[in-house]
Amino acid sequence: MRFIDEAEILVQAGNGGNGCRSFLREKFRPKGGPDGGDGGKGGDVILLADSKRNTLLELHLQKHYRAEPGRHGWGKKQHGRKGKDRIVRVPVGTLIRDAEGRGILEDLSAPGQRFLAASGGRGGRGNARFVTSACKLPEECEEGGRGESKRLHCELKLLADVGLVGFPNAGKSTLLAKLSSAKPKIADYPFTTLVPQLGLVRADEDRSFLIADIPGILPGAAEGVGLGIRFLKHIERTSVLLFLIDLGDPVREDPLETYQALREELARFSTELLEKHTVVAFNKIDLPLALERKPSILDHPALENCPVFFISAVTGKGLGPLTRGLFRRVRASRQEQESSPSDGARRGTV
């Protein structure tokens, strides 16, 4: 399935049904009076956050969504049926914006959350509604109201607890496959990950967290180098950033310069990313070059107050402590959000 994270759609609510102009004519009631029924309300267009969807591909392929119009009223005070609502299912984590002004209308960050995208037109009143003491036989009836029509821009930002950040070939896909049941593409060349990947990591039998892997970052990504900023937005919702650094990289001699370069690149995209909880994992500790570099890293001031782990994603060495360390940070972040709901709002809010 193609990964589509942006789509523009047109939603059209149903028009309301017309009210009826009718007068009762029966054998023993030749002058029964006005009995025109009301028209039914037009159907609404509703966007529904569905946890079973993970891409906006459907909205990319079908761009127009129309709800059913309301039925017209009938004689004998029979009201028209309400038009059926149109339910449009989108992935959890979808931002709904006005396509014209691009202001955020809704953030569908919870499964089952609904957003009324377009409201159906009001049903018109039949002439039976206009009877007064001064007017016993009204001829007047109303047309149904028009349903709303809007052009919306939908943008998907993945909901995850941990965002995995690193340069190409750092071993992110291998680490994701080891920690979770995700099956990302793994190969010995850069940019094997072309779209974001999600994996569920279990800290123990009862506790787990979600980790998101995005394509490798290159210097200048915030300005569009490599895969650019397109996928950096998918780690904006995370509460913890995991920096994965290749400790055995023969090209980049100083791993801490790599760490600083990644932080600077994220800061160019959004300074709020650097305010998140941070964990640093130095990968490929099984290589001789990595073992040589390890002593110079342990007491470096750049890593002060930051949990540091030395791992090998290939052999699995150090992954247990890393998983527990990540969960501690995730749990701390959740507790902070619960204790200050007015500041950080709920998880998933941008």
C-alpha atoms as a PDB file:
ATOM      1  CA  MET A   1       0.000   0.000   0.000  1.00  0.00           C
ATOM      2  CA  ARG A   2       1.297   3.464  -0.927  1.00  0.00           C
ATOM      3  CA  PHE A   3       1.928   5.752   2.021  1.00  0.00           C
ATOM      4  CA  ILE A   4       0.062   9.012   1.450  1.00  0.00           C
ATOM      5  CA  ASP A   5       0.149  11.560   4.275  1.00  0.00           C
ATOM      6  CA  GLU A   6      -1.569  14.535   2.636  1.00  0.00           C
ATOM      7  CA  ALA A   7      -4.789  14.844   0.664  1.00  0.00           C
ATOM      8  CA  GLU A   8      -7.209  17.580  -0.318  1.00  0.00           C
ATOM      9  CA  ILE A   9     -10.897  16.691  -0.502  1.00  0.00           C
ATOM     10  CA  LEU A  10     -14.231  18.356  -1.221  1.00  0.00           C
ATOM     11  CA  VAL A  11     -17.082  17.521   1.152  1.00  0.00           C
ATOM     12  CA  GLN A  12     -20.689  18.289   0.238  1.00  0.00           C
ATOM     13  CA  ALA A  13     -23.484  17.860   2.782  1.00  0.00           C
ATOM     14  CA  GLY A  14     -26.971  16.972   1.587  1.00  0.00           C
ATOM     15  CA  ASN A  15     -29.580  19.629   0.850  1.00  0.00           C
ATOM     16  CA  GLY A  16     -32.695  19.708   3.000  1.00  0.00           C
ATOM     17  CA  GLY A  17     -35.953  18.441   1.526  1.00  0.00           C
ATOM     18  CA  ASN A  18     -38.656  20.902   0.493  1.00  0.00           C
ATOM     19  CA  GLY A  19     -41.763  21.404   2.596  1.00  0.00           C
ATOM     20  CA  CYS A  20     -45.049  20.328   1.040  1.00  0.00           C
ATOM     21  CA  ARG A  21     -48.024  22.525   0.108  1.00  0.00           C
ATOM     22  CA  SER A  22     -51.090  20.357   0.508  1.00  0.00           C
ATOM     23  CA  PHE A  23     -54.726  20.538   1.650  1.00  0.00           C
ATOM     24  CA  LEU A  24     -56.681  17.626   3.058  1.00  0.00           C
ATOM     25  CA  ARG A  25     -59.516  16.441   0.795  1.00  0.00           C
ATOM     26  CA  GLU A  26     -61.467  13.434   2.089  1.00  0.00           C
ATOM     27  CA  LYS A  27     -65.014  12.228   1.557  1.00  0.00           C
ATOM     28  CA  PHE A  28     -66.405  13.506   4.821  1.00  0.00           C
ATOM     29  CA  ARG A  29     -63.786  16.257   5.315  1.00  0.00           C
ATOM     30  CA  PRO A  30     -63.790  18.251   2.080  1.00  0.00           C
ATOM     31  CA  LYS A  31     -62.244  21.211   3.849  1.00  0.00           C
ATOM     32  CA  GLY A  32     -59.827  19.430   6.196  1.00  0.00           C
ATOM     33  CA  GLY A  33     -57.312  22.252   6.048  1.00  0.00           C
ATOM     34  CA  PRO A  34     -53.578  22.430   5.243  1.00  0.00           C
ATOM     35  CA  ASP A  35     -51.651  19.209   5.850  1.00  0.00           C
ATOM     36  CA  GLY A  36     -48.310  19.676   4.088  1.00  0.00           C
ATOM     37  CA  GLY A  37     -45.438  17.908   5.844  1.00  0.00           C
ATOM     38  CA  ASP A  38     -41.878  19.141   6.453  1.00  0.00           C
ATOM     39  CA  GLY A  39     -38.879  18.175   4.373  1.00  0.00           C
ATOM     40  CA  GLY A  40     -36.137  16.056   5.914  1.00  0.00           C
ATOM     41  CA  LYS A  41     -32.747  17.431   6.982  1.00  0.00           C
ATOM     42  CA  GLY A  42     -29.854  16.787   4.627  1.00  0.00           C
ATOM     43  CA  GLY A  43     -27.181  14.300   5.626  1.00  0.00           C
ATOM     44  CA  ASP A  44     -23.925  15.431   7.253  1.00  0.00           C
ATOM     45  CA  VAL A  45     -20.373  14.607   6.179  1.00  0.00           C
ATOM     46  CA  ILE A  46     -18.462  13.266   9.192  1.00  0.00           C
ATOM     47  CA  LEU A  47     -14.760  12.428   9.414  1.00  0.00           C
ATOM     48  CA  LEU A  48     -14.080   9.485  11.733  1.00  0.00           C
ATOM     49  CA  ALA A  49     -10.669   8.545  13.185  1.00  0.00           C
ATOM     50  CA  ASP A  50     -10.177   4.840  12.446  1.00  0.00           C
ATOM     51  CA  SER A  51      -7.299   2.948  14.105  1.00  0.00           C
ATOM     52  CA  LYS A  52      -7.344   0.360  11.282  1.00  0.00           C
ATOM     53  CA  ARG A  53      -6.200   2.920   8.708  1.00  0.00           C
ATOM     54  CA  ASN A  54      -2.627   4.185   8.458  1.00  0.00           C
ATOM     55  CA  THR A  55      -2.572   6.178   5.226  1.00  0.00           C
ATOM     56  CA  LEU A  56      -4.650   8.805   3.401  1.00  0.00           C
ATOM     57  CA  LEU A  57      -4.498   6.835   0.160  1.00  0.00           C
ATOM     58  CA  GLU A  58      -8.283   6.477  -0.052  1.00  0.00           C
ATOM     59  CA  LEU A  59      -8.754  10.242   0.221  1.00  0.00           C
ATOM     60  CA  HIS A  60      -6.021  10.733  -2.359  1.00  0.00           C
ATOM     61  CA  LEU A  61      -7.880   8.550  -4.863  1.00  0.00           C
ATOM     62  CA  GLN A  62     -11.426   9.758  -4.100  1.00  0.00           C
ATOM     63  CA  LYS A  63     -11.541  13.488  -3.571  1.00  0.00           C
ATOM     64  CA  HIS A  64     -15.289  14.215  -3.486  1.00  0.00           C
ATOM     65  CA  TYR A  65     -17.594  13.057  -0.675  1.00  0.00           C
ATOM     66  CA  ARG A  66     -21.313  13.809  -0.813  1.00  0.00           C
ATOM     67  CA  ALA A  67     -24.019  13.063   1.763  1.00  0.00           C
ATOM     68  CA  GLU A  68     -27.577  12.123   0.859  1.00  0.00           C
ATOM     69  CA  PRO A  69     -30.171  14.920   0.540  1.00  0.00           C
ATOM     70  CA  GLY A  70     -33.288  14.987   2.706  1.00  0.00           C
ATOM     71  CA  ARG A  71     -36.576  13.806   1.202  1.00  0.00           C
ATOM     72  CA  HIS A  72     -39.395  16.216   0.418  1.00  0.00           C
ATOM     73  CA  GLY A  73     -42.466  16.457   2.625  1.00  0.00           C
ATOM     74  CA  TRP A  74     -45.812  14.890   1.642  1.00  0.00           C
ATOM     75  CA  GLY A  75     -49.473  15.497   2.247  1.00  0.00           C
ATOM     76  CA  LYS A  76     -51.266  14.264   5.376  1.00  0.00           C
ATOM     77  CA  LYS A  77     -48.447  15.901   7.363  1.00  0.00           C
ATOM     78  CA  GLN A  78     -45.926  13.264   6.331  1.00  0.00           C
ATOM     79  CA  HIS A  79     -42.404  14.473   6.922  1.00  0.00           C
ATOM     80  CA  GLY A  80     -39.586  13.621   4.540  1.00  0.00           C
ATOM     81  CA  ARG A  81     -36.856  11.229   5.652  1.00  0.00           C
ATOM     82  CA  LYS A  82     -33.527  12.636   6.843  1.00  0.00           C
ATOM     83  CA  GLY A  83     -30.665  12.129   4.411  1.00  0.00           C
ATOM     84  CA  LYS A  84     -28.041   9.525   5.327  1.00  0.00           C
ATOM     85  CA  ASP A  85     -24.778  10.858   6.760  1.00  0.00           C
ATOM     86  CA  ARG A  86     -21.574  10.211   4.863  1.00  0.00           C
ATOM     87  CA  ILE A  87     -18.862   8.765   7.123  1.00  0.00           C
ATOM     88  CA  VAL A  88     -15.304   9.280   5.864  1.00  0.00           C
ATOM     89  CA  ARG A  89     -12.753   7.162   7.744  1.00  0.00           C
ATOM     90  CA  VAL A  90      -9.269   8.601   8.221  1.00  0.00           C
ATOM     91  CA  PRO A  91      -6.219   7.415  10.208  1.00  0.00           C
ATOM     92  CA  VAL A  92      -5.815   8.416  13.834  1.00  0.00           C
ATOM     93  CA  GLY A  93      -3.511  11.437  13.919  1.00  0.00           C
ATOM     94  CA  THR A  94      -5.079  13.280  10.969  1.00  0.00           C
ATOM     95  CA  LEU A  95      -5.122  17.068  11.087  1.00  0.00           C
ATOM     96  CA  ILE A  96      -8.052  18.698   9.333  1.00  0.00           C
ATOM     97  CA  ARG A  97      -7.385  22.147   7.908  1.00  0.00           C
ATOM     98  CA  ASP A  98      -9.383  24.602   5.856  1.00  0.00           C
ATOM     99  CA  ALA A  99      -7.903  24.348   2.361  1.00  0.00           C
ATOM    100  CA  GLU A 100      -8.278  28.086   1.841  1.00  0.00           C
ATOM    101  CA  GLY A 101      -6.818  29.574   5.021  1.00  0.00           C
ATOM    102  CA  ARG A 102      -5.099  26.363   6.256  1.00  0.00           C
ATOM    103  CA  GLY A 103      -6.288  27.010   9.808  1.00  0.00           C
ATOM    104  CA  ILE A 104      -6.619  23.849  11.917  1.00  0.00           C
ATOM    105  CA  LEU A 105     -10.271  22.838  12.242  1.00  0.00           C
ATOM    106  CA  GLU A 106      -9.787  19.573  14.132  1.00  0.00           C
ATOM    107  CA  ASP A 107      -7.092  17.189  15.320  1.00  0.00           C
ATOM    108  CA  LEU A 108      -8.379  13.613  15.159  1.00  0.00           C
ATOM    109  CA  SER A 109      -5.922  12.224  17.694  1.00  0.00           C
ATOM    110  CA  ALA A 110      -8.065   9.538  19.370  1.00  0.00           C
ATOM    111  CA  PRO A 111      -9.696   6.410  17.898  1.00  0.00           C
ATOM    112  CA  GLY A 112     -13.404   6.937  17.321  1.00  0.00           C
ATOM    113  CA  GLN A 113     -13.137  10.730  17.422  1.00  0.00           C
ATOM    114  CA  ARG A 114     -15.558  12.454  15.033  1.00  0.00           C
ATOM    115  CA  PHE A 115     -15.515  15.780  13.230  1.00  0.00           C
ATOM    116  CA  LEU A 116     -18.555  17.329  11.584  1.00  0.00           C
ATOM    117  CA  ALA A 117     -16.961  18.425   8.321  1.00  0.00           C
ATOM    118  CA  ALA A 118     -20.122  19.686   6.601  1.00  0.00           C
ATOM    119  CA  SER A 119     -23.609  20.118   8.046  1.00  0.00           C
ATOM    120  CA  GLY A 120     -26.701  19.110   6.084  1.00  0.00           C
ATOM    121  CA  GLY A 121     -29.282  21.663   5.062  1.00  0.00           C
ATOM    122  CA  ARG A 122     -32.379  22.257   7.173  1.00  0.00           C
ATOM    123  CA  GLY A 123     -35.601  20.709   5.938  1.00  0.00           C
ATOM    124  CA  GLY A 124     -38.225  23.151   4.650  1.00  0.00           C
ATOM    125  CA  ARG A 125     -41.503  23.579   6.539  1.00  0.00           C
ATOM    126  CA  GLY A 126     -44.777  22.477   5.010  1.00  0.00           C
ATOM    127  CA  ASN A 127     -47.793  24.754   4.860  1.00  0.00           C
ATOM    128  CA  ALA A 128     -49.321  23.047   7.910  1.00  0.00           C
ATOM    129  CA  ARG A 129     -46.672  24.887   9.956  1.00  0.00           C
ATOM    130  CA  PHE A 130     -47.966  28.308   8.917  1.00  0.00           C
ATOM    131  CA  VAL A 131     -51.520  28.009  10.259  1.00  0.00           C
ATOM    132  CA  THR A 132     -52.408  30.925  12.529  1.00  0.00           C
ATOM    133  CA  SER A 133     -55.591  32.398  13.920  1.00  0.00           C
ATOM    134  CA  ALA A 134     -55.412  35.055  11.239  1.00  0.00           C
ATOM    135  CA  CYS A 135     -54.542  32.667   8.380  1.00  0.00           C
ATOM    136  CA  LYS A 136     -56.406  29.372   8.401  1.00  0.00           C
ATOM    137  CA  LEU A 137     -55.455  28.281   4.856  1.00  0.00           C
ATOM    138  CA  PRO A 138     -51.821  29.227   4.268  1.00  0.00           C
ATOM    139  CA  GLU A 139     -50.407  28.628   0.825  1.00  0.00           C
ATOM    140  CA  GLU A 140     -46.854  29.171   2.015  1.00  0.00           C
ATOM    141  CA  CYS A 141     -44.235  26.416   2.288  1.00  0.00           C
ATOM    142  CA  GLU A 142     -40.436  26.482   2.399  1.00  0.00           C
ATOM    143  CA  GLU A 143     -37.675  25.112   0.248  1.00  0.00           C
ATOM    144  CA  GLY A 144     -35.022  23.052   1.977  1.00  0.00           C
ATOM    145  CA  GLY A 145     -31.758  24.700   2.994  1.00  0.00           C
ATOM    146  CA  ARG A 146     -28.541  24.019   1.093  1.00  0.00           C
ATOM    147  CA  GLY A 147     -25.958  21.728   2.650  1.00  0.00           C
ATOM    148  CA  GLU A 148     -22.504  23.054   3.437  1.00  0.00           C
ATOM    149  CA  SER A 149     -19.712  22.585   0.941  1.00  0.00           C
ATOM    150  CA  LYS A 150     -16.081  22.784   2.038  1.00  0.00           C
ATOM    151  CA  ARG A 151     -12.656  22.054   0.653  1.00  0.00           C
ATOM    152  CA  LEU A 152     -10.468  20.449   3.315  1.00  0.00           C
ATOM    153  CA  HIS A 153      -6.768  19.698   3.542  1.00  0.00           C
ATOM    154  CA  CYS A 154      -6.041  16.492   5.478  1.00  0.00           C
ATOM    155  CA  GLU A 155      -2.561  15.935   6.866  1.00  0.00           C
ATOM    156  CA  LEU A 156      -1.472  12.774   8.657  1.00  0.00           C
ATOM    157  CA  LYS A 157       0.998  12.957  11.541  1.00  0.00           C
ATOM    158  CA  LEU A 158       1.722   9.574  13.050  1.00  0.00           C
ATOM    159  CA  LEU A 159       0.903   9.035  16.712  1.00  0.00           C
ATOM    160  CA  ALA A 160       3.819   7.408  18.492  1.00  0.00           C
ATOM    161  CA  ASP A 161       5.583   7.639  21.852  1.00  0.00           C
ATOM    162  CA  VAL A 162       9.164   7.437  20.558  1.00  0.00           C
ATOM    163  CA  GLY A 163      10.609   8.951  17.399  1.00  0.00           C
ATOM    164  CA  LEU A 164      13.680   7.246  15.941  1.00  0.00           C
ATOM    165  CA  VAL A 165      16.145   9.740  14.446  1.00  0.00           C
ATOM    166  CA  GLY A 166      19.446   9.140  12.680  1.00  0.00           C
ATOM    167  CA  PHE A 167      21.506   9.492   9.543  1.00  0.00           C
ATOM    168  CA  PRO A 168      21.117   6.942   6.717  1.00  0.00           C
ATOM    169  CA  ASN A 169      22.703   3.543   7.436  1.00  0.00           C
ATOM    170  CA  ALA A 170      22.669   4.097  11.205  1.00  0.00           C
ATOM    171  CA  GLY A 171      20.707   0.865  11.655  1.00  0.00           C
ATOM    172  CA  LYS A 172      17.263   2.311  12.418  1.00  0.00           C
ATOM    173  CA  SER A 173      15.336  -0.291  10.432  1.00  0.00           C
ATOM    174  CA  THR A 174      17.299  -3.134  12.020  1.00  0.00           C
ATOM    175  CA  LEU A 175      16.649  -1.729  15.483  1.00  0.00           C
ATOM    176  CA  LEU A 176      12.917  -1.316  14.774  1.00  0.00           C
ATOM    177  CA  ALA A 177      12.696  -4.917  13.563  1.00  0.00           C
ATOM    178  CA  LYS A 178      14.509  -6.174  16.687  1.00  0.00           C
ATOM    179  CA  LEU A 179      12.441  -4.184  19.173  1.00  0.00           C
ATOM    180  CA  SER A 180       9.029  -4.786  17.614  1.00  0.00           C
ATOM    181  CA  SER A 181       7.168  -7.040  15.216  1.00  0.00           C
ATOM    182  CA  ALA A 182       7.445  -4.463  12.422  1.00  0.00           C
ATOM    183  CA  LYS A 183       9.065  -5.687   9.204  1.00  0.00           C
ATOM    184  CA  PRO A 184      10.782  -2.696   7.607  1.00  0.00           C
ATOM    185  CA  LYS A 185      13.031  -3.100   4.590  1.00  0.00           C
ATOM    186  CA  ILE A 186      16.657  -3.734   5.647  1.00  0.00           C
ATOM    187  CA  ALA A 187      19.615  -3.446   3.274  1.00  0.00           C
ATOM    188  CA  ASP A 188      23.235  -2.242   3.252  1.00  0.00           C
ATOM    189  CA  TYR A 189      22.576   0.962   1.329  1.00  0.00           C
ATOM    190  CA  PRO A 190      21.132   4.358   2.383  1.00  0.00           C
ATOM    191  CA  PHE A 191      17.432   5.221   2.406  1.00  0.00           C
ATOM    192  CA  THR A 192      16.016   1.720   2.617  1.00  0.00           C
ATOM    193  CA  THR A 193      13.243   3.400   4.639  1.00  0.00           C
ATOM    194  CA  LEU A 194      11.282   5.608   2.251  1.00  0.00           C
ATOM    195  CA  VAL A 195       8.143   6.032   4.353  1.00  0.00           C
ATOM    196  CA  PRO A 196       7.561   6.202   8.134  1.00  0.00           C
ATOM    197  CA  GLN A 197       7.255   2.874   9.939  1.00  0.00           C
ATOM    198  CA  LEU A 198       5.447   2.148  13.216  1.00  0.00           C
ATOM    199  CA  GLY A 199       6.288  -0.638  15.652  1.00  0.00           C
ATOM    200  CA  LEU A 200       4.835  -1.722  18.988  1.00  0.00           C
ATOM    201  CA  VAL A 201       7.529  -2.338  21.623  1.00  0.00           C
ATOM    202  CA  ARG A 202       6.659  -4.331  24.746  1.00  0.00           C
ATOM    203  CA  ALA A 203       8.519  -3.300  27.896  1.00  0.00           C
ATOM    204  CA  ASP A 204       6.907  -6.250  29.705  1.00  0.00           C
ATOM    205  CA  GLU A 205       3.662  -8.232  29.508  1.00  0.00           C
ATOM    206  CA  ASP A 206       1.434  -5.330  30.514  1.00  0.00           C
ATOM    207  CA  ARG A 207       3.307  -2.248  29.302  1.00  0.00           C
ATOM    208  CA  SER A 208       4.179  -1.168  25.789  1.00  0.00           C
ATOM    209  CA  PHE A 209       4.856   1.889  23.668  1.00  0.00           C
ATOM    210  CA  LEU A 210       4.876   2.853  19.989  1.00  0.00           C
ATOM    211  CA  ILE A 211       8.058   3.747  18.135  1.00  0.00           C
ATOM    212  CA  ALA A 212       8.162   5.546  14.781  1.00  0.00           C
ATOM    213  CA  ASP A 213      11.037   5.293  12.323  1.00  0.00           C
ATOM    214  CA  ILE A 214      11.370   7.982   9.656  1.00  0.00           C
ATOM    215  CA  PRO A 215      13.701   8.015   6.624  1.00  0.00           C
ATOM    216  CA  GLY A 216      17.318   8.913   7.357  1.00  0.00           C
ATOM    217  CA  ILE A 217      18.104  12.592   7.825  1.00  0.00           C
ATOM    218  CA  LEU A 218      20.786  14.329   5.800  1.00  0.00           C
ATOM    219  CA  PRO A 219      22.395  17.710   6.571  1.00  0.00           C
ATOM    220  CA  GLY A 220      20.072  20.310   5.076  1.00  0.00           C
ATOM    221  CA  ALA A 221      16.957  18.144   5.413  1.00  0.00           C
ATOM    222  CA  ALA A 222      15.003  21.085   6.831  1.00  0.00           C
ATOM    223  CA  GLU A 223      15.666  22.934   3.554  1.00  0.00           C
ATOM    224  CA  GLY A 224      14.632  19.943   1.429  1.00  0.00           C
ATOM    225  CA  VAL A 225      17.874  17.955   1.049  1.00  0.00           C
ATOM    226  CA  GLY A 226      17.341  14.222   0.636  1.00  0.00           C
ATOM    227  CA  LEU A 227      13.772  13.349   1.537  1.00  0.00           C
ATOM    228  CA  GLY A 228      13.551  16.808   3.109  1.00  0.00           C
ATOM    229  CA  ILE A 229      11.035  17.902   5.711  1.00  0.00           C
ATOM    230  CA  ARG A 230       8.197  15.761   4.422  1.00  0.00           C
ATOM    231  CA  PHE A 231       8.577  13.108   7.116  1.00  0.00           C
ATOM    232  CA  LEU A 232      10.025  15.159   9.989  1.00  0.00           C
ATOM    233  CA  LYS A 233       6.468  16.152  10.916  1.00  0.00           C
ATOM    234  CA  HIS A 234       5.766  12.524  11.881  1.00  0.00           C
ATOM    235  CA  ILE A 235       7.913  12.839  15.009  1.00  0.00           C
ATOM    236  CA  GLU A 236       6.314  16.112  16.162  1.00  0.00           C
ATOM    237  CA  ARG A 237       3.721  14.199  18.191  1.00  0.00           C
ATOM    238  CA  THR A 238       6.204  11.902  19.924  1.00  0.00           C
ATOM    239  CA  SER A 239       7.114  12.474  23.563  1.00  0.00           C
ATOM    240  CA  VAL A 240      10.620  10.927  23.381  1.00  0.00           C
ATOM    241  CA  LEU A 241      13.316  11.181  20.722  1.00  0.00           C
ATOM    242  CA  LEU A 242      15.760   8.313  20.297  1.00  0.00           C
ATOM    243  CA  PHE A 243      18.936   9.429  18.533  1.00  0.00           C
ATOM    244  CA  LEU A 244      20.594   6.410  16.927  1.00  0.00           C
ATOM    245  CA  ILE A 245      24.252   7.009  16.057  1.00  0.00           C
ATOM    246  CA  ASP A 246      26.593   4.713  14.179  1.00  0.00           C
ATOM    247  CA  LEU A 247      29.572   4.380  16.516  1.00  0.00           C
ATOM    248  CA  GLY A 248      31.532   2.376  13.940  1.00  0.00           C
ATOM    249  CA  ASP A 249      31.074   4.779  11.017  1.00  0.00           C
ATOM    250  CA  PRO A 250      34.473   5.111   9.268  1.00  0.00           C
ATOM    251  CA  VAL A 251      33.418   8.336   7.480  1.00  0.00           C
ATOM    252  CA  ARG A 252      32.139  10.350  10.458  1.00  0.00           C
ATOM    253  CA  GLU A 253      35.033  10.130  12.896  1.00  0.00           C
ATOM    254  CA  ASP A 254      33.398  11.975  15.816  1.00  0.00           C
ATOM    255  CA  PRO A 255      30.046  10.409  16.829  1.00  0.00           C
ATOM    256  CA  LEU A 256      29.242  13.393  19.045  1.00  0.00           C
ATOM    257  CA  GLU A 257      29.477  15.708  16.042  1.00  0.00           C
ATOM    258  CA  THR A 258      26.901  13.442  14.413  1.00  0.00           C
ATOM    259  CA  TYR A 259      24.660  13.852  17.452  1.00  0.00           C
ATOM    260  CA  GLN A 260      24.990  17.646  17.378  1.00  0.00           C
ATOM    261  CA  ALA A 261      24.365  17.731  13.623  1.00  0.00           C
ATOM    262  CA  LEU A 262      21.118  15.799  14.081  1.00  0.00           C
ATOM    263  CA  ARG A 263      19.963  18.153  16.839  1.00  0.00           C
ATOM    264  CA  GLU A 264      20.752  21.206  14.730  1.00  0.00           C
ATOM    265  CA  GLU A 265      18.792  19.774  11.815  1.00  0.00           C
ATOM    266  CA  LEU A 266      15.763  19.135  14.015  1.00  0.00           C
ATOM    267  CA  ALA A 267      16.027  22.650  15.464  1.00  0.00           C
ATOM    268  CA  ARG A 268      15.885  24.134  11.963  1.00  0.00           C
ATOM    269  CA  PHE A 269      12.611  22.307  11.411  1.00  0.00           C
ATOM    270  CA  SER A 270      11.091  23.009  14.839  1.00  0.00           C
ATOM    271  CA  THR A 271      12.753  24.086  18.081  1.00  0.00           C
ATOM    272  CA  GLU A 272       9.982  22.326  20.006  1.00  0.00           C
ATOM    273  CA  LEU A 273      11.496  18.980  18.986  1.00  0.00           C
ATOM    274  CA  LEU A 274      14.526  19.645  21.186  1.00  0.00           C
ATOM    275  CA  GLU A 275      12.283  20.161  24.228  1.00  0.00           C
ATOM    276  CA  LYS A 276      11.240  16.504  24.195  1.00  0.00           C
ATOM    277  CA  HIS A 277      12.771  13.802  26.360  1.00  0.00           C
ATOM    278  CA  THR A 278      15.961  12.562  24.700  1.00  0.00           C
ATOM    279  CA  VAL A 279      17.702   9.191  24.664  1.00  0.00           C
ATOM    280  CA  VAL A 280      20.937   8.484  22.768  1.00  0.00           C
ATOM    281  CA  ALA A 281      21.898   5.010  21.555  1.00  0.00           C
ATOM    282  CA  PHE A 282      25.302   4.343  19.999  1.00  0.00           C
ATOM    283  CA  ASN A 283      24.897   1.434  17.600  1.00  0.00           C
ATOM    284  CA  LYS A 284      27.279  -1.228  16.225  1.00  0.00           C
ATOM    285  CA  ILE A 285      29.169  -1.642  19.498  1.00  0.00           C
ATOM    286  CA  ASP A 286      30.179  -5.085  18.224  1.00  0.00           C
ATOM    287  CA  LEU A 287      32.646  -3.483  15.760  1.00  0.00           C
ATOM    288  CA  PRO A 288      36.312  -2.918  16.803  1.00  0.00           C
ATOM    289  CA  LEU A 289      36.220   0.756  15.773  1.00  0.00           C
ATOM    290  CA  ALA A 290      33.161   1.333  17.954  1.00  0.00           C
ATOM    291  CA  LEU A 291      34.893  -0.203  20.974  1.00  0.00           C
ATOM    292  CA  GLU A 292      37.842   2.156  20.497  1.00  0.00           C
ATOM    293  CA  ARG A 293      35.573   5.214  20.472  1.00  0.00           C
ATOM    294  CA  LYS A 294      33.432   4.229  23.455  1.00  0.00           C
ATOM    295  CA  PRO A 295      35.704   5.559  26.295  1.00  0.00           C
ATOM    296  CA  SER A 296      35.817   9.094  24.843  1.00  0.00           C
ATOM    297  CA  ILE A 297      32.009   9.335  24.856  1.00  0.00           C
ATOM    298  CA  LEU A 298      31.042   8.265  28.360  1.00  0.00           C
ATOM    299  CA  ASP A 299      31.836  11.525  30.188  1.00  0.00           C
ATOM    300  CA  HIS A 300      31.244  14.012  27.406  1.00  0.00           C
ATOM    301  CA  PRO A 301      29.372  17.149  28.605  1.00  0.00           C
ATOM    302  CA  ALA A 302      27.097  17.133  25.539  1.00  0.00           C
ATOM    303  CA  LEU A 303      25.419  13.998  26.926  1.00  0.00           C
ATOM    304  CA  GLU A 304      24.917  15.321  30.443  1.00  0.00           C
ATOM    305  CA  ASN A 305      21.492  14.439  31.899  1.00  0.00           C
ATOM    306  CA  CYS A 306      20.781  12.326  28.829  1.00  0.00           C
ATOM    307  CA  PRO A 307      20.451   8.508  29.066  1.00  0.00           C
ATOM    308  CA  VAL A 308      23.125   6.861  26.911  1.00  0.00           C
ATOM    309  CA  PHE A 309      23.120   3.259  25.720  1.00  0.00           C
ATOM    310  CA  PHE A 310      25.626   1.216  23.740  1.00  0.00           C
ATOM    311  CA  ILE A 311      23.899  -1.385  21.601  1.00  0.00           C
ATOM    312  CA  SER A 312      24.224  -3.680  18.639  1.00  0.00           C
ATOM    313  CA  ALA A 313      20.966  -3.833  16.690  1.00  0.00           C
ATOM    314  CA  VAL A 314      22.272  -6.828  14.718  1.00  0.00           C
ATOM    315  CA  THR A 315      23.296  -9.034  17.649  1.00  0.00           C
ATOM    316  CA  GLY A 316      20.735  -7.675  20.132  1.00  0.00           C
ATOM    317  CA  LYS A 317      23.359  -6.605  22.656  1.00  0.00           C
ATOM    318  CA  GLY A 318      22.108  -3.879  25.012  1.00  0.00           C
ATOM    319  CA  LEU A 319      18.544  -3.842  23.664  1.00  0.00           C
ATOM    320  CA  GLY A 320      17.001  -4.888  26.989  1.00  0.00           C
ATOM    321  CA  PRO A 321      18.371  -1.900  28.947  1.00  0.00           C
ATOM    322  CA  LEU A 322      17.498   0.389  26.018  1.00  0.00           C
ATOM    323  CA  THR A 323      13.872  -0.782  25.983  1.00  0.00           C
ATOM    324  CA  ARG A 324      13.527  -0.253  29.730  1.00  0.00           C
ATOM    325  CA  GLY A 325      15.191   3.162  29.510  1.00  0.00           C
ATOM    326  CA  LEU A 326      12.851   4.262  26.718  1.00  0.00           C
ATOM    327  CA  PHE A 327       9.801   3.134  28.652  1.00  0.00           C
ATOM    328  CA  ARG A 328      10.913   5.081  31.742  1.00  0.00           C
ATOM    329  CA  ARG A 329      11.113   8.223  29.626  1.00  0.00           C
ATOM    330  CA  VAL A 330       7.749   7.528  27.981  1.00  0.00           C
ATOM    331  CA  ARG A 331       6.141   6.948  31.371  1.00  0.00           C
ATOM    332  CA  ALA A 332       7.635  10.168  32.760  1.00  0.00           C
ATOM    333  CA  SER A 333       6.308  12.100  29.780  1.00  0.00           C
ATOM    334  CA  ARG A 334       2.819  10.617  30.210  1.00  0.00           C
ATOM    335  CA  GLN A 335       2.806  11.566  33.890  1.00  0.00           C
ATOM    336  CA  GLU A 336       3.836  15.131  33.043  1.00  0.00           C
ATOM    337  CA  GLN A 337       1.003  15.451  30.550  1.00  0.00           C
ATOM    338  CA  GLU A 338      -1.534  14.042  33.005  1.00  0.00           C
ATOM    339  CA  SER A 339      -0.420  16.438  35.753  1.00  0.00           C
ATOM    340  CA  SER A 340      -0.582  19.533  33.514  1.00  0.00           C
ATOM    341  CA  PRO A 341      -3.434  19.005  31.026  1.00  0.00           C
ATOM    342  CA  SER A 342      -3.864  22.716  30.429  1.00  0.00           C
ATOM    343  CA  ASP A 343      -0.282  23.181  29.237  1.00  0.00           C
ATOM    344  CA  GLY A 344       0.540  20.179  27.123  1.00  0.00           C
ATOM    345  CA  ALA A 345      -3.042  19.065  26.491  1.00  0.00           C
ATOM    346  CA  ARG A 346      -3.587  15.431  25.719  1.00  0.00           C
ATOM    347  CA  ARG A 347      -1.118  13.129  24.062  1.00  0.00           C
ATOM    348  CA  GLY A 348      -1.045  13.664  20.323  1.00  0.00           C
ATOM    349  CA  THR A 349      -1.838  17.379  20.392  1.00  0.00           C
ATOM    350  CA  VAL A 350       0.416  19.669  18.390  1.00  0.00           C
END
